[in-house]
Amino acid sequence: VVLSPDVRKALAHFGVRIGRHSIFMPALIRPRAARTLALLAHVAQAGRPGGLFLPRPGALSAPCEEGVHWIACAAAGYRRCGRIAVRFDRVELLARAVREAAPAKSGAALTPAMAQLIGAPFRELEGVLAALSYRADGQGLWRPAAPVRPARTRPRDDGNPFAALPNLLSGELDRAKRRGNPA
């Protein structure tokens, strides 16, 4: 889905951060909110296999057992990246570090500082980047996979509660402008 600048601005107004790999609300990945959401998701997903994912408060990353569902990780504010789960904001910070370390499309060499950004051992960094669709060339330089451009389609109303979100947010932005309150 391609979001217009107005929709992005409206989402930012409501506290939604849109990154390269994640869409999240920073307020919901704080320890108390994340714990509450993780517990609620666990109760809501009672029939699904997989357990409760509750990393220690403030952890940048945490080991993720095989059976833990990605929904449990996301509810706690983490993205499953291979054997570990990395907090959403730290995934984006790692992506920025790799992008900034890559001189002119050649790729980035991995450094211990990159592993420190996500609070994980250096040996886990390759698995995390591979899970995020980064690819290594023969010289050990990493770069993101080429982005896939989705075909432009009209949102379908197939029962998905988020299908109408872009239209709702752009309507809210228009009403705010008419009231004289730019978002």
C-alpha atoms as a PDB file:
ATOM      1  CA  VAL A   1       0.000   0.000   0.000  1.00  0.00           C
ATOM      2  CA  VAL A   2       1.375   3.386  -0.972  1.00  0.00           C
ATOM      3  CA  LEU A   3       0.385   6.115   1.457  1.00  0.00           C
ATOM      4  CA  SER A   4       0.047   9.701   0.365  1.00  0.00           C
ATOM      5  CA  PRO A   5       1.955  12.408   2.249  1.00  0.00           C
ATOM      6  CA  ASP A   6      -1.332  13.617   3.787  1.00  0.00           C
ATOM      7  CA  VAL A   7      -2.115  10.167   5.159  1.00  0.00           C
ATOM      8  CA  ARG A   8       1.431   9.798   6.495  1.00  0.00           C
ATOM      9  CA  LYS A   9       1.096  13.192   8.171  1.00  0.00           C
ATOM     10  CA  ALA A  10      -2.241  12.229   9.710  1.00  0.00           C
ATOM     11  CA  LEU A  11      -0.819   8.956  11.023  1.00  0.00           C
ATOM     12  CA  ALA A  12       2.178  10.802  12.483  1.00  0.00           C
ATOM     13  CA  HIS A  13      -0.251  13.200  14.178  1.00  0.00           C
ATOM     14  CA  PHE A  14      -1.809  10.204  15.947  1.00  0.00           C
ATOM     15  CA  GLY A  15       1.602   8.876  17.007  1.00  0.00           C
ATOM     16  CA  VAL A  16       2.118   6.215  14.348  1.00  0.00           C
ATOM     17  CA  ARG A  17       5.681   5.805  13.099  1.00  0.00           C
ATOM     18  CA  ILE A  18       6.177   4.295   9.653  1.00  0.00           C
ATOM     19  CA  GLY A  19       9.609   2.776   9.111  1.00  0.00           C
ATOM     20  CA  ARG A  20      11.242   0.610   6.485  1.00  0.00           C
ATOM     21  CA  HIS A  21      10.351  -2.634   8.269  1.00  0.00           C
ATOM     22  CA  SER A  22       7.702  -1.739  10.837  1.00  0.00           C
ATOM     23  CA  ILE A  23       4.680   0.407  11.511  1.00  0.00           C
ATOM     24  CA  PHE A  24       4.285   1.039  15.229  1.00  0.00           C
ATOM     25  CA  MET A  25       3.356   3.482  17.940  1.00  0.00           C
ATOM     26  CA  PRO A  26       6.297   4.308  20.220  1.00  0.00           C
ATOM     27  CA  ALA A  27       3.934   4.786  23.162  1.00  0.00           C
ATOM     28  CA  LEU A  28       2.827   1.147  22.843  1.00  0.00           C
ATOM     29  CA  ILE A  29       6.321  -0.339  23.003  1.00  0.00           C
ATOM     30  CA  ARG A  30       7.054   1.170  26.400  1.00  0.00           C
ATOM     31  CA  PRO A  31       7.366  -1.604  28.992  1.00  0.00           C
ATOM     32  CA  ARG A  32       4.040  -1.162  30.786  1.00  0.00           C
ATOM     33  CA  ALA A  33       1.942  -0.790  27.618  1.00  0.00           C
ATOM     34  CA  ALA A  34       3.802  -3.608  25.850  1.00  0.00           C
ATOM     35  CA  ARG A  35       3.256  -5.969  28.781  1.00  0.00           C
ATOM     36  CA  THR A  36      -0.468  -5.171  28.850  1.00  0.00           C
ATOM     37  CA  LEU A  37      -0.798  -5.684  25.081  1.00  0.00           C
ATOM     38  CA  ALA A  38       1.162  -8.949  25.236  1.00  0.00           C
ATOM     39  CA  LEU A  39      -1.124 -10.298  27.951  1.00  0.00           C
ATOM     40  CA  LEU A  40      -4.259  -9.198  26.070  1.00  0.00           C
ATOM     41  CA  ALA A  41      -3.011 -10.777  22.841  1.00  0.00           C
ATOM     42  CA  HIS A  42      -2.230 -14.003  24.664  1.00  0.00           C
ATOM     43  CA  VAL A  43      -5.767 -14.175  26.049  1.00  0.00           C
ATOM     44  CA  ALA A  44      -7.280 -13.269  22.662  1.00  0.00           C
ATOM     45  CA  GLN A  45      -5.198 -15.938  20.896  1.00  0.00           C
ATOM     46  CA  ALA A  46      -6.004 -18.665  23.427  1.00  0.00           C
ATOM     47  CA  GLY A  47      -6.809 -21.258  20.759  1.00  0.00           C
ATOM     48  CA  ARG A  48      -3.602 -20.722  18.761  1.00  0.00           C
ATOM     49  CA  PRO A  49      -0.431 -22.667  19.366  1.00  0.00           C
ATOM     50  CA  GLY A  50       2.496 -20.776  20.835  1.00  0.00           C
ATOM     51  CA  GLY A  51       3.085 -19.245  24.166  1.00  0.00           C
ATOM     52  CA  LEU A  52       3.177 -15.902  25.828  1.00  0.00           C
ATOM     53  CA  PHE A  53       6.072 -13.689  24.750  1.00  0.00           C
ATOM     54  CA  LEU A  54       7.118 -11.382  27.592  1.00  0.00           C
ATOM     55  CA  PRO A  55      10.698 -10.143  27.392  1.00  0.00           C
ATOM     56  CA  ARG A  56      12.147  -8.365  30.406  1.00  0.00           C
ATOM     57  CA  PRO A  57      11.122  -4.683  30.579  1.00  0.00           C
ATOM     58  CA  GLY A  58      13.386  -2.453  28.502  1.00  0.00           C
ATOM     59  CA  ALA A  59      15.007  -5.306  26.558  1.00  0.00           C
ATOM     60  CA  LEU A  60      16.128  -4.287  23.060  1.00  0.00           C
ATOM     61  CA  SER A  61      15.923  -7.883  21.862  1.00  0.00           C
ATOM     62  CA  ALA A  62      15.016 -11.235  23.361  1.00  0.00           C
ATOM     63  CA  PRO A  63      15.392 -14.903  22.450  1.00  0.00           C
ATOM     64  CA  CYS A  64      12.333 -16.168  20.641  1.00  0.00           C
ATOM     65  CA  GLU A  65      11.387 -19.814  20.957  1.00  0.00           C
ATOM     66  CA  GLU A  66      10.335 -21.730  17.863  1.00  0.00           C
ATOM     67  CA  GLY A  67       6.628 -21.994  18.730  1.00  0.00           C
ATOM     68  CA  VAL A  68       6.042 -18.316  19.581  1.00  0.00           C
ATOM     69  CA  HIS A  69       3.684 -16.763  17.036  1.00  0.00           C
ATOM     70  CA  TRP A  70       4.616 -13.476  15.371  1.00  0.00           C
ATOM     71  CA  ILE A  71       1.424 -11.923  16.793  1.00  0.00           C
ATOM     72  CA  ALA A  72       2.700 -12.541  20.333  1.00  0.00           C
ATOM     73  CA  CYS A  73       5.976 -10.809  19.460  1.00  0.00           C
ATOM     74  CA  ALA A  74       4.240  -7.875  17.763  1.00  0.00           C
ATOM     75  CA  ALA A  75       1.866  -7.363  20.673  1.00  0.00           C
ATOM     76  CA  ALA A  76       4.878  -7.046  22.987  1.00  0.00           C
ATOM     77  CA  GLY A  77       6.428  -4.488  20.599  1.00  0.00           C
ATOM     78  CA  TYR A  78       8.921  -6.806  18.900  1.00  0.00           C
ATOM     79  CA  ARG A  79       9.527  -8.146  15.411  1.00  0.00           C
ATOM     80  CA  ARG A  80      10.555 -11.767  15.088  1.00  0.00           C
ATOM     81  CA  CYS A  81      13.928 -11.889  13.301  1.00  0.00           C
ATOM     82  CA  GLY A  82      15.051 -15.487  13.164  1.00  0.00           C
ATOM     83  CA  ARG A  83      16.014 -16.855  16.579  1.00  0.00           C
ATOM     84  CA  ILE A  84      15.524 -13.532  18.329  1.00  0.00           C
ATOM     85  CA  ALA A  85      12.864 -10.838  18.426  1.00  0.00           C
ATOM     86  CA  VAL A  86      13.977  -7.210  18.138  1.00  0.00           C
ATOM     87  CA  ARG A  87      11.997  -4.230  19.416  1.00  0.00           C
ATOM     88  CA  PHE A  88      10.352  -2.291  16.570  1.00  0.00           C
ATOM     89  CA  ASP A  89      12.245   0.955  17.117  1.00  0.00           C
ATOM     90  CA  ARG A  90      15.562  -0.918  17.226  1.00  0.00           C
ATOM     91  CA  VAL A  91      14.796  -2.706  13.949  1.00  0.00           C
ATOM     92  CA  GLU A  92      14.447   0.705  12.320  1.00  0.00           C
ATOM     93  CA  LEU A  93      17.606   1.989  14.009  1.00  0.00           C
ATOM     94  CA  LEU A  94      19.552  -1.016  12.689  1.00  0.00           C
ATOM     95  CA  ALA A  95      18.157  -0.452   9.180  1.00  0.00           C
ATOM     96  CA  ARG A  96      19.306   3.178   9.301  1.00  0.00           C
ATOM     97  CA  ALA A  97      22.783   2.143  10.520  1.00  0.00           C
ATOM     98  CA  VAL A  98      23.171  -0.361   7.666  1.00  0.00           C
ATOM     99  CA  ARG A  99      21.944   2.219   5.144  1.00  0.00           C
ATOM    100  CA  GLU A 100      24.340   4.894   6.440  1.00  0.00           C
ATOM    101  CA  ALA A 101      27.300   2.491   6.550  1.00  0.00           C
ATOM    102  CA  ALA A 102      26.823   1.438   2.921  1.00  0.00           C
ATOM    103  CA  PRO A 103      28.889   3.683   0.633  1.00  0.00           C
ATOM    104  CA  ALA A 104      27.252   4.206  -2.766  1.00  0.00           C
ATOM    105  CA  LYS A 105      25.277   0.979  -3.184  1.00  0.00           C
ATOM    106  CA  SER A 106      28.226  -1.299  -2.386  1.00  0.00           C
ATOM    107  CA  GLY A 107      26.798  -2.624   0.879  1.00  0.00           C
ATOM    108  CA  ALA A 108      27.652  -2.335   4.558  1.00  0.00           C
ATOM    109  CA  ALA A 109      30.146  -4.322   6.572  1.00  0.00           C
ATOM    110  CA  LEU A 110      28.703  -5.553   9.854  1.00  0.00           C
ATOM    111  CA  THR A 111      30.165  -4.085  13.029  1.00  0.00           C
ATOM    112  CA  PRO A 112      29.806  -4.880  16.731  1.00  0.00           C
ATOM    113  CA  ALA A 113      28.202  -1.431  17.132  1.00  0.00           C
ATOM    114  CA  MET A 114      25.318  -2.586  14.931  1.00  0.00           C
ATOM    115  CA  ALA A 115      24.740  -5.562  17.223  1.00  0.00           C
ATOM    116  CA  GLN A 116      24.820  -3.231  20.226  1.00  0.00           C
ATOM    117  CA  LEU A 117      22.010  -1.176  18.652  1.00  0.00           C
ATOM    118  CA  ILE A 118      19.698  -4.149  19.000  1.00  0.00           C
ATOM    119  CA  GLY A 119      21.194  -5.477  22.231  1.00  0.00           C
ATOM    120  CA  ALA A 120      22.125  -8.811  20.698  1.00  0.00           C
ATOM    121  CA  PRO A 121      25.370 -10.759  20.312  1.00  0.00           C
ATOM    122  CA  PHE A 122      27.302 -10.031  17.117  1.00  0.00           C
ATOM    123  CA  ARG A 123      26.811 -13.653  15.994  1.00  0.00           C
ATOM    124  CA  GLU A 124      23.030 -13.034  15.762  1.00  0.00           C
ATOM    125  CA  LEU A 125      23.328 -10.000  13.465  1.00  0.00           C
ATOM    126  CA  GLU A 126      23.486 -11.930  10.192  1.00  0.00           C
ATOM    127  CA  GLY A 127      20.329 -13.885  11.099  1.00  0.00           C
ATOM    128  CA  VAL A 128      18.485 -10.691  12.002  1.00  0.00           C
ATOM    129  CA  LEU A 129      19.444  -8.997   8.725  1.00  0.00           C
ATOM    130  CA  ALA A 130      18.541 -12.094   6.709  1.00  0.00           C
ATOM    131  CA  ALA A 131      15.114 -12.164   8.389  1.00  0.00           C
ATOM    132  CA  LEU A 132      14.675  -8.519   7.375  1.00  0.00           C
ATOM    133  CA  SER A 133      15.409  -9.465   3.716  1.00  0.00           C
ATOM    134  CA  TYR A 134      18.929  -8.074   3.598  1.00  0.00           C
ATOM    135  CA  ARG A 135      21.362  -9.967   1.400  1.00  0.00           C
ATOM    136  CA  ALA A 136      25.121 -10.439   1.667  1.00  0.00           C
ATOM    137  CA  ASP A 137      27.371 -10.360  -1.360  1.00  0.00           C
ATOM    138  CA  GLY A 138      30.524 -12.469  -1.684  1.00  0.00           C
ATOM    139  CA  GLN A 139      32.682  -9.984   0.259  1.00  0.00           C
ATOM    140  CA  GLY A 140      30.480  -9.953   3.385  1.00  0.00           C
ATOM    141  CA  LEU A 141      28.778  -6.650   2.588  1.00  0.00           C
ATOM    142  CA  TRP A 142      25.061  -6.432   3.350  1.00  0.00           C
ATOM    143  CA  ARG A 143      22.378  -4.419   1.567  1.00  0.00           C
ATOM    144  CA  PRO A 144      18.595  -4.441   1.521  1.00  0.00           C
ATOM    145  CA  ALA A 145      16.877  -6.523  -1.097  1.00  0.00           C
ATOM    146  CA  ALA A 146      15.452  -4.484  -3.944  1.00  0.00           C
ATOM    147  CA  PRO A 147      12.025  -3.172  -2.924  1.00  0.00           C
ATOM    148  CA  VAL A 148       9.055  -4.765  -4.584  1.00  0.00           C
ATOM    149  CA  ARG A 149       6.699  -2.144  -5.936  1.00  0.00           C
ATOM    150  CA  PRO A 150       3.131  -3.248  -5.339  1.00  0.00           C
ATOM    151  CA  ALA A 151       0.652  -2.814  -8.126  1.00  0.00           C
ATOM    152  CA  ARG A 152      -1.695   0.085  -7.472  1.00  0.00           C
ATOM    153  CA  THR A 153      -5.035  -1.315  -6.522  1.00  0.00           C
ATOM    154  CA  ARG A 154      -8.116   0.084  -4.908  1.00  0.00           C
ATOM    155  CA  PRO A 155      -8.649  -0.976  -1.299  1.00  0.00           C
ATOM    156  CA  ARG A 156     -11.048  -3.893  -1.064  1.00  0.00           C
ATOM    157  CA  ASP A 157     -13.594  -4.156   1.666  1.00  0.00           C
ATOM    158  CA  ASP A 158     -13.113  -7.867   2.292  1.00  0.00           C
ATOM    159  CA  GLY A 159     -13.847  -7.723   5.990  1.00  0.00           C
ATOM    160  CA  ASN A 160     -10.423  -6.308   6.795  1.00  0.00           C
ATOM    161  CA  PRO A 161     -10.960  -3.597   9.425  1.00  0.00           C
ATOM    162  CA  PHE A 162      -7.950  -1.661   8.109  1.00  0.00           C
ATOM    163  CA  ALA A 163      -9.086  -1.538   4.466  1.00  0.00           C
ATOM    164  CA  ALA A 164     -10.794   1.830   4.901  1.00  0.00           C
ATOM    165  CA  LEU A 165      -8.047   3.375   7.055  1.00  0.00           C
ATOM    166  CA  PRO A 166      -6.486   5.577   4.331  1.00  0.00           C
ATOM    167  CA  ASN A 167      -9.889   7.005   3.427  1.00  0.00           C
ATOM    168  CA  LEU A 168     -10.826   7.606   7.068  1.00  0.00           C
ATOM    169  CA  LEU A 169      -7.580   9.360   7.869  1.00  0.00           C
ATOM    170  CA  SER A 170      -7.668  11.584   4.798  1.00  0.00           C
ATOM    171  CA  GLY A 171     -11.275  12.513   5.676  1.00  0.00           C
ATOM    172  CA  GLU A 172     -10.210  13.343   9.249  1.00  0.00           C
ATOM    173  CA  LEU A 173      -7.385  15.507   7.890  1.00  0.00           C
ATOM    174  CA  ASP A 174      -9.800  17.369   5.590  1.00  0.00           C
ATOM    175  CA  ARG A 175     -12.200  18.042   8.500  1.00  0.00           C
ATOM    176  CA  ALA A 176      -9.327  19.323  10.648  1.00  0.00           C
ATOM    177  CA  LYS A 177      -8.256  21.721   7.893  1.00  0.00           C
ATOM    178  CA  ARG A 178     -11.815  23.039   7.534  1.00  0.00           C
ATOM    179  CA  ARG A 179     -11.930  23.686  11.297  1.00  0.00           C
ATOM    180  CA  GLY A 180      -8.640  25.569  11.036  1.00  0.00           C
ATOM    181  CA  ASN A 181      -6.664  22.962  12.966  1.00  0.00           C
ATOM    182  CA  PRO A 182      -3.978  21.675  10.635  1.00  0.00           C
ATOM    183  CA  ALA A 183      -2.857  18.208  11.671  1.00  0.00           C
END
